[in-house]
Amino acid sequence: MEKPYQQDKIVAVDVETTGLSAGLDEIIEIGAVLISNGKLDKTYHSLICPKKVIPREITKLTGITWEMVKKACPIEHVLPEFLKFAGNFPLLGHNLPFDYSFLKAACMQQKISFERKGIDTLRLARILLPSLEKKTLSFVADFYEIDIEKSHRASYDAISCAKIYLKMLEKFGNLPGKQELFFPQELKTKIKKSESATAKQKKYLLDLLKYHKIEEVSLERLTKSEASMLIDYFKSGQLEKATAILAAFP
């Protein structure tokens, strides 16, 4: 039987984030696994301390709390580690454009070039499994009898995605007209640009810090939306949330 086409090496990756908008929201966890010659090889995982408090709905979805990430490294330290792990290999992901957009945005903020090719198992599922009721990672994994220990945690989702890819490759990779589906495609994304906090917002926040006897921090990297959120926290008496966000700034 003809061996199905496969990449010699490809990196399955998954990120957990504070929201849905790359460039505005932040990565709080990266998980990845290297697939080498059709087998799962090395793994990578890191929690990341964001500059904002993790929204309650994200904690409910992922199980990741502020207590878990507050002592973790910031994205500036974690991203170079991940990029070293990933090398120049193609990426693999379930709804890969989402993960890639956040990684791309983080690289742009650090002035790092990040252009990749990749394969999206969600796209593969839509084409190769049209009769499957849902195409979510957990649903496709269940279809292939792949156990996900902790859904919506980066490492487990990355490994599940890798296993799904290998199952699909085994079944469809040598069928006429299907092989090209397993060729990595150029990844493209549009990143929403965040505006810097206004001078008026910064002055108001500095006044609030003095009023609440909180040690001043640099507000230079604060975005307009982050400043607005901080002001709202201070005005509504949620000092713990406000100080937690400020503590994440260098």
C-alpha atoms as a PDB file:
ATOM      1  CA  MET A   1       0.000   0.000   0.000  1.00  0.00           C
ATOM      2  CA  GLU A   2       1.350   3.409  -0.949  1.00  0.00           C
ATOM      3  CA  LYS A   3       2.561   5.472   2.003  1.00  0.00           C
ATOM      4  CA  PRO A   4       0.472   8.659   2.477  1.00  0.00           C
ATOM      5  CA  TYR A   5       2.110  12.025   1.965  1.00  0.00           C
ATOM      6  CA  GLN A   6       3.318  13.662   5.180  1.00  0.00           C
ATOM      7  CA  GLN A   7       5.529  16.478   6.340  1.00  0.00           C
ATOM      8  CA  ASP A   8       8.810  15.207   7.796  1.00  0.00           C
ATOM      9  CA  LYS A   9       8.293  17.642  10.652  1.00  0.00           C
ATOM     10  CA  ILE A  10       5.319  19.817  11.611  1.00  0.00           C
ATOM     11  CA  VAL A  11       4.446  21.586  14.872  1.00  0.00           C
ATOM     12  CA  ALA A  12       0.933  21.295  16.286  1.00  0.00           C
ATOM     13  CA  VAL A  13       0.190  24.378  18.373  1.00  0.00           C
ATOM     14  CA  ASP A  14      -2.646  25.704  20.493  1.00  0.00           C
ATOM     15  CA  VAL A  15      -2.987  28.934  22.459  1.00  0.00           C
ATOM     16  CA  GLU A  16      -5.391  29.987  25.189  1.00  0.00           C
ATOM     17  CA  THR A  17      -6.173  33.694  25.306  1.00  0.00           C
ATOM     18  CA  THR A  18      -7.969  36.402  27.279  1.00  0.00           C
ATOM     19  CA  GLY A  19     -10.395  36.984  24.395  1.00  0.00           C
ATOM     20  CA  LEU A  20     -10.990  36.596  20.683  1.00  0.00           C
ATOM     21  CA  SER A  21      -9.213  39.620  19.171  1.00  0.00           C
ATOM     22  CA  ALA A  22      -5.542  39.217  18.263  1.00  0.00           C
ATOM     23  CA  GLY A  23      -3.686  42.461  18.871  1.00  0.00           C
ATOM     24  CA  LEU A  24      -6.140  43.482  21.588  1.00  0.00           C
ATOM     25  CA  ASP A  25      -6.431  40.342  23.716  1.00  0.00           C
ATOM     26  CA  GLU A  26      -3.473  38.337  25.053  1.00  0.00           C
ATOM     27  CA  ILE A  27      -2.041  34.818  25.043  1.00  0.00           C
ATOM     28  CA  ILE A  28      -2.093  33.179  28.479  1.00  0.00           C
ATOM     29  CA  GLU A  29      -0.912  29.691  27.503  1.00  0.00           C
ATOM     30  CA  ILE A  30       0.985  28.066  24.635  1.00  0.00           C
ATOM     31  CA  GLY A  31       1.132  24.330  24.070  1.00  0.00           C
ATOM     32  CA  ALA A  32       2.848  22.568  21.174  1.00  0.00           C
ATOM     33  CA  VAL A  33       4.040  19.175  20.021  1.00  0.00           C
ATOM     34  CA  LEU A  34       6.508  18.353  17.264  1.00  0.00           C
ATOM     35  CA  ILE A  35       5.384  15.630  14.861  1.00  0.00           C
ATOM     36  CA  SER A  36       8.471  13.982  13.411  1.00  0.00           C
ATOM     37  CA  ASN A  37       8.114  11.409  10.620  1.00  0.00           C
ATOM     38  CA  GLY A  38       4.556  10.571  11.585  1.00  0.00           C
ATOM     39  CA  LYS A  39       5.137  10.298  15.335  1.00  0.00           C
ATOM     40  CA  LEU A  40       4.618  12.659  18.267  1.00  0.00           C
ATOM     41  CA  ASP A  41       8.036  13.841  19.428  1.00  0.00           C
ATOM     42  CA  LYS A  42       9.031  16.775  21.666  1.00  0.00           C
ATOM     43  CA  THR A  43       6.497  18.926  23.494  1.00  0.00           C
ATOM     44  CA  TYR A  44       6.456  22.551  24.639  1.00  0.00           C
ATOM     45  CA  HIS A  45       4.245  24.245  27.225  1.00  0.00           C
ATOM     46  CA  SER A  46       4.170  27.541  29.084  1.00  0.00           C
ATOM     47  CA  LEU A  47       1.686  29.635  30.997  1.00  0.00           C
ATOM     48  CA  ILE A  48       2.014  33.381  30.410  1.00  0.00           C
ATOM     49  CA  CYS A  49       1.330  36.309  32.705  1.00  0.00           C
ATOM     50  CA  PRO A  50      -0.912  38.767  30.832  1.00  0.00           C
ATOM     51  CA  LYS A  51      -1.085  42.505  31.410  1.00  0.00           C
ATOM     52  CA  LYS A  52      -4.801  42.246  32.121  1.00  0.00           C
ATOM     53  CA  VAL A  53      -6.787  40.219  34.622  1.00  0.00           C
ATOM     54  CA  ILE A  54      -8.200  37.073  33.013  1.00  0.00           C
ATOM     55  CA  PRO A  55     -11.951  37.523  32.359  1.00  0.00           C
ATOM     56  CA  ARG A  56     -14.238  35.300  34.407  1.00  0.00           C
ATOM     57  CA  GLU A  57     -15.682  33.622  31.322  1.00  0.00           C
ATOM     58  CA  ILE A  58     -12.190  32.638  30.139  1.00  0.00           C
ATOM     59  CA  THR A  59     -11.392  31.068  33.509  1.00  0.00           C
ATOM     60  CA  LYS A  60     -14.685  29.198  33.336  1.00  0.00           C
ATOM     61  CA  LEU A  61     -13.831  27.917  29.834  1.00  0.00           C
ATOM     62  CA  THR A  62     -10.156  27.037  30.371  1.00  0.00           C
ATOM     63  CA  GLY A  63      -9.758  26.625  34.106  1.00  0.00           C
ATOM     64  CA  ILE A  64      -6.827  29.075  33.981  1.00  0.00           C
ATOM     65  CA  THR A  65      -6.960  31.524  36.894  1.00  0.00           C
ATOM     66  CA  TRP A  66      -5.025  34.674  37.730  1.00  0.00           C
ATOM     67  CA  GLU A  67      -3.379  32.779  40.599  1.00  0.00           C
ATOM     68  CA  MET A  68      -1.989  30.290  38.072  1.00  0.00           C
ATOM     69  CA  VAL A  69      -0.424  32.905  35.793  1.00  0.00           C
ATOM     70  CA  LYS A  70       0.536  35.813  38.036  1.00  0.00           C
ATOM     71  CA  LYS A  71       4.038  34.400  38.679  1.00  0.00           C
ATOM     72  CA  ALA A  72       4.517  33.098  35.133  1.00  0.00           C
ATOM     73  CA  CYS A  73       6.823  34.825  32.650  1.00  0.00           C
ATOM     74  CA  PRO A  74       5.446  37.566  30.377  1.00  0.00           C
ATOM     75  CA  ILE A  75       4.997  36.938  26.656  1.00  0.00           C
ATOM     76  CA  GLU A  76       8.266  38.798  25.941  1.00  0.00           C
ATOM     77  CA  HIS A  77      10.163  35.935  27.603  1.00  0.00           C
ATOM     78  CA  VAL A  78       7.982  33.026  26.489  1.00  0.00           C
ATOM     79  CA  LEU A  79       7.607  33.819  22.796  1.00  0.00           C
ATOM     80  CA  PRO A  80      11.328  33.464  21.882  1.00  0.00           C
ATOM     81  CA  GLU A  81      11.349  30.066  23.626  1.00  0.00           C
ATOM     82  CA  PHE A  82       8.371  28.883  21.601  1.00  0.00           C
ATOM     83  CA  LEU A  83       9.831  30.185  18.341  1.00  0.00           C
ATOM     84  CA  LYS A  84      13.056  28.303  19.034  1.00  0.00           C
ATOM     85  CA  PHE A  85      11.025  25.119  19.633  1.00  0.00           C
ATOM     86  CA  ALA A  86       8.933  25.621  16.489  1.00  0.00           C
ATOM     87  CA  GLY A  87      11.897  26.419  14.255  1.00  0.00           C
ATOM     88  CA  ASN A  88      10.878  27.063  10.656  1.00  0.00           C
ATOM     89  CA  PHE A  89       8.592  24.046  10.501  1.00  0.00           C
ATOM     90  CA  PRO A  90       5.010  24.367   9.224  1.00  0.00           C
ATOM     91  CA  LEU A  91       2.319  24.792  11.861  1.00  0.00           C
ATOM     92  CA  LEU A  92      -0.693  22.600  12.540  1.00  0.00           C
ATOM     93  CA  GLY A  93      -3.807  23.592  14.448  1.00  0.00           C
ATOM     94  CA  HIS A  94      -7.547  23.185  14.762  1.00  0.00           C
ATOM     95  CA  ASN A  95      -8.844  26.538  13.541  1.00  0.00           C
ATOM     96  CA  LEU A  96      -5.184  27.400  12.997  1.00  0.00           C
ATOM     97  CA  PRO A  97      -5.846  30.967  11.730  1.00  0.00           C
ATOM     98  CA  PHE A  98      -6.972  31.864  15.277  1.00  0.00           C
ATOM     99  CA  ASP A  99      -3.799  30.581  16.961  1.00  0.00           C
ATOM    100  CA  TYR A 100      -1.577  31.987  14.225  1.00  0.00           C
ATOM    101  CA  SER A 101      -3.164  35.444  14.496  1.00  0.00           C
ATOM    102  CA  PHE A 102      -2.312  35.661  18.203  1.00  0.00           C
ATOM    103  CA  LEU A 103       1.234  34.400  17.678  1.00  0.00           C
ATOM    104  CA  LYS A 104       1.665  36.809  14.778  1.00  0.00           C
ATOM    105  CA  ALA A 105       0.363  39.744  16.850  1.00  0.00           C
ATOM    106  CA  ALA A 106       2.728  38.879  19.716  1.00  0.00           C
ATOM    107  CA  CYS A 107       5.650  38.706  17.270  1.00  0.00           C
ATOM    108  CA  MET A 108       4.699  42.045  15.722  1.00  0.00           C
ATOM    109  CA  GLN A 109       4.697  43.653  19.180  1.00  0.00           C
ATOM    110  CA  GLN A 110       8.254  42.390  19.679  1.00  0.00           C
ATOM    111  CA  LYS A 111       9.266  43.324  16.124  1.00  0.00           C
ATOM    112  CA  ILE A 112       9.901  39.667  15.228  1.00  0.00           C
ATOM    113  CA  SER A 113       9.208  38.390  11.734  1.00  0.00           C
ATOM    114  CA  PHE A 114       6.784  35.456  11.785  1.00  0.00           C
ATOM    115  CA  GLU A 115       5.665  34.091   8.427  1.00  0.00           C
ATOM    116  CA  ARG A 116       4.588  30.469   8.291  1.00  0.00           C
ATOM    117  CA  LYS A 117       2.819  27.827   6.273  1.00  0.00           C
ATOM    118  CA  GLY A 118       0.366  25.540   8.002  1.00  0.00           C
ATOM    119  CA  ILE A 119      -2.401  22.957   7.935  1.00  0.00           C
ATOM    120  CA  ASP A 120      -5.774  23.499   9.597  1.00  0.00           C
ATOM    121  CA  THR A 121      -7.439  20.301  10.836  1.00  0.00           C
ATOM    122  CA  LEU A 122     -10.750  22.173  11.100  1.00  0.00           C
ATOM    123  CA  ARG A 123     -10.566  22.798   7.344  1.00  0.00           C
ATOM    124  CA  LEU A 124      -9.653  19.148   6.798  1.00  0.00           C
ATOM    125  CA  ALA A 125     -12.614  18.027   8.902  1.00  0.00           C
ATOM    126  CA  ARG A 126     -15.021  20.192   6.899  1.00  0.00           C
ATOM    127  CA  ILE A 127     -13.753  18.698   3.639  1.00  0.00           C
ATOM    128  CA  LEU A 128     -13.058  15.098   4.638  1.00  0.00           C
ATOM    129  CA  LEU A 129     -15.791  14.544   7.246  1.00  0.00           C
ATOM    130  CA  PRO A 130     -18.781  16.421   5.783  1.00  0.00           C
ATOM    131  CA  SER A 131     -21.376  14.209   7.477  1.00  0.00           C
ATOM    132  CA  LEU A 132     -19.945  14.737  10.965  1.00  0.00           C
ATOM    133  CA  GLU A 133     -22.470  16.741  12.989  1.00  0.00           C
ATOM    134  CA  LYS A 134     -19.899  19.123  14.485  1.00  0.00           C
ATOM    135  CA  LYS A 135     -16.322  19.890  13.514  1.00  0.00           C
ATOM    136  CA  THR A 136     -15.032  21.112  16.891  1.00  0.00           C
ATOM    137  CA  LEU A 137     -11.762  19.664  18.196  1.00  0.00           C
ATOM    138  CA  SER A 138     -13.506  17.642  20.905  1.00  0.00           C
ATOM    139  CA  PHE A 139     -16.134  16.302  18.490  1.00  0.00           C
ATOM    140  CA  VAL A 140     -13.581  15.242  15.857  1.00  0.00           C
ATOM    141  CA  ALA A 141     -11.347  13.743  18.562  1.00  0.00           C
ATOM    142  CA  ASP A 142     -14.311  11.747  19.863  1.00  0.00           C
ATOM    143  CA  PHE A 143     -15.036  10.554  16.311  1.00  0.00           C
ATOM    144  CA  TYR A 144     -11.487   9.189  16.098  1.00  0.00           C
ATOM    145  CA  GLU A 145     -11.695   7.822  19.672  1.00  0.00           C
ATOM    146  CA  ILE A 146      -8.984  10.193  20.869  1.00  0.00           C
ATOM    147  CA  ASP A 147      -9.212  11.053  24.556  1.00  0.00           C
ATOM    148  CA  ILE A 148      -8.727  14.728  25.484  1.00  0.00           C
ATOM    149  CA  GLU A 149      -7.758  14.880  29.159  1.00  0.00           C
ATOM    150  CA  LYS A 150      -8.428  18.611  29.568  1.00  0.00           C
ATOM    151  CA  SER A 151     -10.287  20.414  26.814  1.00  0.00           C
ATOM    152  CA  HIS A 152      -9.360  24.086  26.269  1.00  0.00           C
ATOM    153  CA  ARG A 153      -5.894  23.623  27.736  1.00  0.00           C
ATOM    154  CA  ALA A 154      -3.160  24.320  25.226  1.00  0.00           C
ATOM    155  CA  SER A 155      -0.956  21.224  25.564  1.00  0.00           C
ATOM    156  CA  TYR A 156      -3.821  18.743  25.544  1.00  0.00           C
ATOM    157  CA  ASP A 157      -5.514  20.444  22.596  1.00  0.00           C
ATOM    158  CA  ALA A 158      -2.257  20.575  20.613  1.00  0.00           C
ATOM    159  CA  ILE A 159      -1.644  16.854  21.185  1.00  0.00           C
ATOM    160  CA  SER A 160      -5.261  16.020  20.265  1.00  0.00           C
ATOM    161  CA  CYS A 161      -4.917  18.060  17.077  1.00  0.00           C
ATOM    162  CA  ALA A 162      -1.709  16.197  16.208  1.00  0.00           C
ATOM    163  CA  LYS A 163      -3.400  12.834  16.709  1.00  0.00           C
ATOM    164  CA  ILE A 164      -6.377  13.897  14.568  1.00  0.00           C
ATOM    165  CA  TYR A 165      -4.014  14.984  11.804  1.00  0.00           C
ATOM    166  CA  LEU A 166      -2.220  11.622  11.839  1.00  0.00           C
ATOM    167  CA  LYS A 167      -5.539   9.746  11.745  1.00  0.00           C
ATOM    168  CA  MET A 168      -6.712  11.819   8.783  1.00  0.00           C
ATOM    169  CA  LEU A 169      -3.381  11.428   7.039  1.00  0.00           C
ATOM    170  CA  GLU A 170      -3.511   7.669   7.445  1.00  0.00           C
ATOM    171  CA  LYS A 171      -7.032   7.413   6.026  1.00  0.00           C
ATOM    172  CA  PHE A 172      -7.012  10.080   3.307  1.00  0.00           C
ATOM    173  CA  GLY A 173      -3.362  10.904   2.607  1.00  0.00           C
ATOM    174  CA  ASN A 174      -2.929   8.540  -0.315  1.00  0.00           C
ATOM    175  CA  LEU A 175      -6.376   8.876  -1.898  1.00  0.00           C
ATOM    176  CA  PRO A 176      -6.559  10.458  -5.377  1.00  0.00           C
ATOM    177  CA  GLY A 177      -7.266  14.182  -5.116  1.00  0.00           C
ATOM    178  CA  LYS A 178      -6.771  14.272  -1.348  1.00  0.00           C
ATOM    179  CA  GLN A 179      -2.992  14.423  -1.053  1.00  0.00           C
ATOM    180  CA  GLU A 180      -2.828  18.150  -1.785  1.00  0.00           C
ATOM    181  CA  LEU A 181      -5.017  18.811   1.259  1.00  0.00           C
ATOM    182  CA  PHE A 182      -2.029  17.845   3.377  1.00  0.00           C
ATOM    183  CA  PHE A 183       0.296  20.378   1.751  1.00  0.00           C
ATOM    184  CA  PRO A 184       0.891  23.357   4.112  1.00  0.00           C
ATOM    185  CA  GLN A 185      -0.599  26.624   2.880  1.00  0.00           C
ATOM    186  CA  GLU A 186       0.635  30.175   3.423  1.00  0.00           C
ATOM    187  CA  LEU A 187      -0.912  31.592   6.590  1.00  0.00           C
ATOM    188  CA  LYS A 188      -2.312  35.108   6.425  1.00  0.00           C
ATOM    189  CA  THR A 189      -4.032  37.211   9.052  1.00  0.00           C
ATOM    190  CA  LYS A 190      -5.102  40.766   9.784  1.00  0.00           C
ATOM    191  CA  ILE A 191      -4.184  42.126  13.195  1.00  0.00           C
ATOM    192  CA  LYS A 192      -6.264  44.800  14.868  1.00  0.00           C
ATOM    193  CA  LYS A 193      -4.030  47.683  15.873  1.00  0.00           C
ATOM    194  CA  SER A 194      -4.344  48.934  19.424  1.00  0.00           C
ATOM    195  CA  GLU A 195      -4.219  52.677  20.065  1.00  0.00           C
ATOM    196  CA  SER A 196      -1.985  54.047  22.796  1.00  0.00           C
ATOM    197  CA  ALA A 197      -3.618  55.545  25.862  1.00  0.00           C
ATOM    198  CA  THR A 198      -4.281  59.265  25.515  1.00  0.00           C
ATOM    199  CA  ALA A 199      -2.410  61.878  27.547  1.00  0.00           C
ATOM    200  CA  LYS A 200      -5.688  62.688  29.314  1.00  0.00           C
ATOM    201  CA  GLN A 201      -6.191  59.039  30.322  1.00  0.00           C
ATOM    202  CA  LYS A 202      -2.630  58.737  31.618  1.00  0.00           C
ATOM    203  CA  LYS A 203      -2.921  61.922  33.691  1.00  0.00           C
ATOM    204  CA  TYR A 204      -6.233  60.749  35.162  1.00  0.00           C
ATOM    205  CA  LEU A 205      -4.727  57.367  36.039  1.00  0.00           C
ATOM    206  CA  LEU A 206      -1.701  58.963  37.690  1.00  0.00           C
ATOM    207  CA  ASP A 207      -4.063  61.094  39.788  1.00  0.00           C
ATOM    208  CA  LEU A 208      -5.974  57.938  40.764  1.00  0.00           C
ATOM    209  CA  LEU A 209      -2.748  56.192  41.758  1.00  0.00           C
ATOM    210  CA  LYS A 210      -1.793  59.113  44.004  1.00  0.00           C
ATOM    211  CA  TYR A 211      -5.286  59.234  45.521  1.00  0.00           C
ATOM    212  CA  HIS A 212      -5.238  55.512  46.357  1.00  0.00           C
ATOM    213  CA  LYS A 213      -1.591  55.713  47.512  1.00  0.00           C
ATOM    214  CA  ILE A 214      -0.455  53.194  44.916  1.00  0.00           C
ATOM    215  CA  GLU A 215       3.147  53.299  43.747  1.00  0.00           C
ATOM    216  CA  GLU A 216       3.445  54.836  40.294  1.00  0.00           C
ATOM    217  CA  VAL A 217       4.182  52.569  37.344  1.00  0.00           C
ATOM    218  CA  SER A 218       5.091  53.337  33.745  1.00  0.00           C
ATOM    219  CA  LEU A 219       1.969  53.863  31.644  1.00  0.00           C
ATOM    220  CA  GLU A 220       3.799  54.276  28.336  1.00  0.00           C
ATOM    221  CA  ARG A 221       2.770  50.888  26.948  1.00  0.00           C
ATOM    222  CA  LEU A 222      -0.808  51.181  28.116  1.00  0.00           C
ATOM    223  CA  THR A 223      -3.392  50.957  25.320  1.00  0.00           C
ATOM    224  CA  LYS A 224      -6.481  53.111  25.085  1.00  0.00           C
ATOM    225  CA  SER A 225      -8.781  50.189  25.893  1.00  0.00           C
ATOM    226  CA  GLU A 226      -6.601  49.069  28.825  1.00  0.00           C
ATOM    227  CA  ALA A 227      -6.599  52.608  30.251  1.00  0.00           C
ATOM    228  CA  SER A 228     -10.367  52.793  29.920  1.00  0.00           C
ATOM    229  CA  MET A 229     -10.764  49.451  31.702  1.00  0.00           C
ATOM    230  CA  LEU A 230      -8.424  50.526  34.529  1.00  0.00           C
ATOM    231  CA  ILE A 231     -10.312  53.763  35.036  1.00  0.00           C
ATOM    232  CA  ASP A 232     -13.592  51.833  35.196  1.00  0.00           C
ATOM    233  CA  TYR A 233     -12.128  49.461  37.814  1.00  0.00           C
ATOM    234  CA  PHE A 234     -10.920  52.367  39.957  1.00  0.00           C
ATOM    235  CA  LYS A 235     -14.222  54.238  39.675  1.00  0.00           C
ATOM    236  CA  SER A 236     -16.255  51.131  40.576  1.00  0.00           C
ATOM    237  CA  GLY A 237     -14.069  50.373  43.596  1.00  0.00           C
ATOM    238  CA  GLN A 238     -12.482  47.225  42.138  1.00  0.00           C
ATOM    239  CA  LEU A 239      -9.007  48.152  43.364  1.00  0.00           C
ATOM    240  CA  GLU A 240      -7.764  44.548  43.504  1.00  0.00           C
ATOM    241  CA  LYS A 241      -8.387  44.067  39.780  1.00  0.00           C
ATOM    242  CA  ALA A 242      -6.861  47.437  38.925  1.00  0.00           C
ATOM    243  CA  THR A 243      -3.698  46.816  40.943  1.00  0.00           C
ATOM    244  CA  ALA A 244      -3.366  43.285  39.499  1.00  0.00           C
ATOM    245  CA  ILE A 245      -3.345  44.717  35.972  1.00  0.00           C
ATOM    246  CA  LEU A 246      -0.862  47.431  36.896  1.00  0.00           C
ATOM    247  CA  ALA A 247       1.406  44.872  38.573  1.00  0.00           C
ATOM    248  CA  ALA A 248       1.777  43.059  35.248  1.00  0.00           C
ATOM    249  CA  PHE A 249       3.294  46.120  33.580  1.00  0.00           C
ATOM    250  CA  PRO A 250       7.109  46.351  33.526  1.00  0.00           C
END
